[in-house]
Amino acid sequence: MILLDTDVMVDVLKGHVPARGWLASVTLQEIGIPGLVAMELLQGCRDAREQRRVERTLGTYPLYWPSGEDCARALTWFAACRIPGTVTGSTPNCGRMVYTDSHRGGVHGTHEHRHR
């Protein structure tokens, strides 16, 4: 399974050719979107029209939500990554990392789609 991260979906929604091409090339694995990513995409909508477009796109992918156990592990990881006065990991990223780890999938969002 491949889980798409926010940066990949933003590029797809913007019609970025390398992102769309990369996504089209992934044919042998199930593709999904973490629920937290869907929420981030909706948060970035500037108006109702854009939100409807994002919702239509999201509707073409299964959404995956972390379990209560995943959330507890994300909190533990986040606390371990914190140094007083600085944060070395973000809350959503810790959540996605734990979810991905528990499902042995991959979150694609390291810009690999931009280099093709």
C-alpha atoms as a PDB file:
ATOM      1  CA  MET A   1       0.000   0.000   0.000  1.00  0.00           C
ATOM      2  CA  ILE A   2       1.173   3.512  -0.752  1.00  0.00           C
ATOM      3  CA  LEU A   3      -0.105   6.376   1.391  1.00  0.00           C
ATOM      4  CA  LEU A   4       0.165   9.804  -0.213  1.00  0.00           C
ATOM      5  CA  ASP A   5       1.388  12.718   1.876  1.00  0.00           C
ATOM      6  CA  THR A   6       0.129  16.284   1.690  1.00  0.00           C
ATOM      7  CA  ASP A   7       2.884  17.624  -0.567  1.00  0.00           C
ATOM      8  CA  VAL A   8       2.211  14.942  -3.186  1.00  0.00           C
ATOM      9  CA  MET A   9      -1.539  15.605  -3.148  1.00  0.00           C
ATOM     10  CA  VAL A  10      -1.044  19.377  -3.390  1.00  0.00           C
ATOM     11  CA  ASP A  11       1.062  18.865  -6.517  1.00  0.00           C
ATOM     12  CA  VAL A  12      -1.513  16.444  -7.952  1.00  0.00           C
ATOM     13  CA  LEU A  13      -4.337  18.896  -7.271  1.00  0.00           C
ATOM     14  CA  LYS A  14      -2.341  21.714  -8.885  1.00  0.00           C
ATOM     15  CA  GLY A  15      -1.865  19.569 -11.993  1.00  0.00           C
ATOM     16  CA  HIS A  16       1.910  19.303 -11.570  1.00  0.00           C
ATOM     17  CA  VAL A  17       2.864  17.035 -14.498  1.00  0.00           C
ATOM     18  CA  PRO A  18       5.640  15.041 -12.771  1.00  0.00           C
ATOM     19  CA  ALA A  19       3.374  14.366  -9.773  1.00  0.00           C
ATOM     20  CA  ARG A  20       0.509  13.206 -11.975  1.00  0.00           C
ATOM     21  CA  GLY A  21       2.868  11.105 -14.058  1.00  0.00           C
ATOM     22  CA  TRP A  22       4.395   9.472 -11.008  1.00  0.00           C
ATOM     23  CA  LEU A  23       0.942   8.753  -9.570  1.00  0.00           C
ATOM     24  CA  ALA A  24      -0.229   7.256 -12.870  1.00  0.00           C
ATOM     25  CA  SER A  25       2.855   4.997 -12.925  1.00  0.00           C
ATOM     26  CA  VAL A  26       1.949   3.397  -9.587  1.00  0.00           C
ATOM     27  CA  THR A  27      -0.328   0.649 -10.802  1.00  0.00           C
ATOM     28  CA  LEU A  28       0.535  -2.474  -8.818  1.00  0.00           C
ATOM     29  CA  GLN A  29      -0.153  -1.158  -5.330  1.00  0.00           C
ATOM     30  CA  GLU A  30      -3.199   0.167  -3.547  1.00  0.00           C
ATOM     31  CA  ILE A  31      -3.032   3.945  -3.056  1.00  0.00           C
ATOM     32  CA  GLY A  32      -4.663   5.691  -0.122  1.00  0.00           C
ATOM     33  CA  ILE A  33      -4.597   8.926   1.833  1.00  0.00           C
ATOM     34  CA  PRO A  34      -4.193   9.259   5.596  1.00  0.00           C
ATOM     35  CA  GLY A  35      -7.169  11.013   7.161  1.00  0.00           C
ATOM     36  CA  LEU A  36      -4.843  13.660   8.622  1.00  0.00           C
ATOM     37  CA  VAL A  37      -3.643  14.489   5.102  1.00  0.00           C
ATOM     38  CA  ALA A  38      -7.242  14.855   3.915  1.00  0.00           C
ATOM     39  CA  MET A  39      -7.865  17.293   6.764  1.00  0.00           C
ATOM     40  CA  GLU A  40      -4.742  19.308   5.867  1.00  0.00           C
ATOM     41  CA  LEU A  41      -5.866  19.510   2.244  1.00  0.00           C
ATOM     42  CA  LEU A  42      -9.307  20.758   3.259  1.00  0.00           C
ATOM     43  CA  GLN A  43      -7.740  23.271   5.640  1.00  0.00           C
ATOM     44  CA  GLY A  44      -5.791  24.744   2.724  1.00  0.00           C
ATOM     45  CA  CYS A  45      -8.871  25.434   0.589  1.00  0.00           C
ATOM     46  CA  ARG A  46      -9.409  29.126  -0.129  1.00  0.00           C
ATOM     47  CA  ASP A  47     -13.120  28.914  -0.936  1.00  0.00           C
ATOM     48  CA  ALA A  48     -16.102  26.564  -1.231  1.00  0.00           C
ATOM     49  CA  ARG A  49     -15.419  25.810  -4.907  1.00  0.00           C
ATOM     50  CA  GLU A  50     -11.874  24.685  -4.183  1.00  0.00           C
ATOM     51  CA  GLN A  51     -13.104  22.624  -1.228  1.00  0.00           C
ATOM     52  CA  ARG A  52     -15.629  20.813  -3.446  1.00  0.00           C
ATOM     53  CA  ARG A  53     -12.849  20.021  -5.936  1.00  0.00           C
ATOM     54  CA  VAL A  54     -10.598  18.666  -3.179  1.00  0.00           C
ATOM     55  CA  GLU A  55     -13.475  16.631  -1.730  1.00  0.00           C
ATOM     56  CA  ARG A  56     -14.180  15.106  -5.170  1.00  0.00           C
ATOM     57  CA  THR A  57     -10.532  14.128  -5.525  1.00  0.00           C
ATOM     58  CA  LEU A  58     -10.389  12.727  -1.991  1.00  0.00           C
ATOM     59  CA  GLY A  59     -13.467  10.667  -2.778  1.00  0.00           C
ATOM     60  CA  THR A  60     -11.477   8.672  -5.332  1.00  0.00           C
ATOM     61  CA  TYR A  61      -9.077   7.305  -2.694  1.00  0.00           C
ATOM     62  CA  PRO A  62      -9.644   5.254   0.434  1.00  0.00           C
ATOM     63  CA  LEU A  63      -8.898   7.185   3.633  1.00  0.00           C
ATOM     64  CA  TYR A  64      -6.879   5.566   6.403  1.00  0.00           C
ATOM     65  CA  TRP A  65      -7.205   6.686  10.009  1.00  0.00           C
ATOM     66  CA  PRO A  66      -4.797   5.881  12.835  1.00  0.00           C
ATOM     67  CA  SER A  67      -6.035   3.664  15.642  1.00  0.00           C
ATOM     68  CA  GLY A  68      -6.014   4.709  19.292  1.00  0.00           C
ATOM     69  CA  GLU A  69      -2.865   2.636  19.724  1.00  0.00           C
ATOM     70  CA  ASP A  70      -1.250   4.447  16.758  1.00  0.00           C
ATOM     71  CA  CYS A  71      -2.081   7.815  18.358  1.00  0.00           C
ATOM     72  CA  ALA A  72      -0.587   6.764  21.699  1.00  0.00           C
ATOM     73  CA  ARG A  73       2.633   5.672  19.963  1.00  0.00           C
ATOM     74  CA  ALA A  74       2.719   8.950  17.996  1.00  0.00           C
ATOM     75  CA  LEU A  75       2.547  10.874  21.276  1.00  0.00           C
ATOM     76  CA  THR A  76       5.425   8.814  22.673  1.00  0.00           C
ATOM     77  CA  TRP A  77       7.531   9.402  19.543  1.00  0.00           C
ATOM     78  CA  PHE A  78       6.710  13.105  19.527  1.00  0.00           C
ATOM     79  CA  ALA A  79       7.700  13.465  23.192  1.00  0.00           C
ATOM     80  CA  ALA A  80      10.968  11.614  22.508  1.00  0.00           C
ATOM     81  CA  CYS A  81      11.754  13.948  19.580  1.00  0.00           C
ATOM     82  CA  ARG A  82      11.213  17.110  21.620  1.00  0.00           C
ATOM     83  CA  ILE A  83      14.138  19.005  23.004  1.00  0.00           C
ATOM     84  CA  PRO A  84      13.275  21.868  25.369  1.00  0.00           C
ATOM     85  CA  GLY A  85      12.826  24.984  23.267  1.00  0.00           C
ATOM     86  CA  THR A  86      12.841  23.187  19.912  1.00  0.00           C
ATOM     87  CA  VAL A  87      10.771  20.609  18.113  1.00  0.00           C
ATOM     88  CA  THR A  88      12.469  18.108  15.840  1.00  0.00           C
ATOM     89  CA  GLY A  89       9.271  16.515  14.592  1.00  0.00           C
ATOM     90  CA  SER A  90       5.814  17.846  13.817  1.00  0.00           C
ATOM     91  CA  THR A  91       2.629  16.455  15.317  1.00  0.00           C
ATOM     92  CA  PRO A  92       1.074  15.391  11.978  1.00  0.00           C
ATOM     93  CA  ASN A  93       4.344  13.839  10.792  1.00  0.00           C
ATOM     94  CA  CYS A  94       4.702  11.752  13.968  1.00  0.00           C
ATOM     95  CA  GLY A  95       1.148  10.536  13.473  1.00  0.00           C
ATOM     96  CA  ARG A  96       1.785   9.575   9.865  1.00  0.00           C
ATOM     97  CA  MET A  97       5.070   7.834  10.703  1.00  0.00           C
ATOM     98  CA  VAL A  98       3.407   5.685  13.365  1.00  0.00           C
ATOM     99  CA  TYR A  99       0.476   4.843  11.097  1.00  0.00           C
ATOM    100  CA  THR A 100       2.807   3.886   8.263  1.00  0.00           C
ATOM    101  CA  ASP A 101       4.991   1.806  10.570  1.00  0.00           C
ATOM    102  CA  SER A 102       1.996  -0.093  11.915  1.00  0.00           C
ATOM    103  CA  HIS A 103       0.709  -0.869   8.411  1.00  0.00           C
ATOM    104  CA  ARG A 104       4.093  -1.587   6.833  1.00  0.00           C
ATOM    105  CA  GLY A 105       3.264   0.768   4.007  1.00  0.00           C
ATOM    106  CA  GLY A 106       5.014   3.793   2.699  1.00  0.00           C
ATOM    107  CA  VAL A 107       4.058   7.422   2.917  1.00  0.00           C
ATOM    108  CA  HIS A 108       5.123   9.076  -0.289  1.00  0.00           C
ATOM    109  CA  GLY A 109       5.909  12.696   0.277  1.00  0.00           C
ATOM    110  CA  THR A 110       9.645  13.151  -0.056  1.00  0.00           C
ATOM    111  CA  HIS A 111       9.343  14.762  -3.466  1.00  0.00           C
ATOM    112  CA  GLU A 112      10.265  11.610  -5.386  1.00  0.00           C
ATOM    113  CA  HIS A 113       7.434  12.500  -7.750  1.00  0.00           C
ATOM    114  CA  ARG A 114       9.143  15.805  -8.630  1.00  0.00           C
ATOM    115  CA  HIS A 115      12.310  14.227  -9.945  1.00  0.00           C
ATOM    116  CA  ARG A 116      10.836  12.179 -12.749  1.00  0.00           C
END
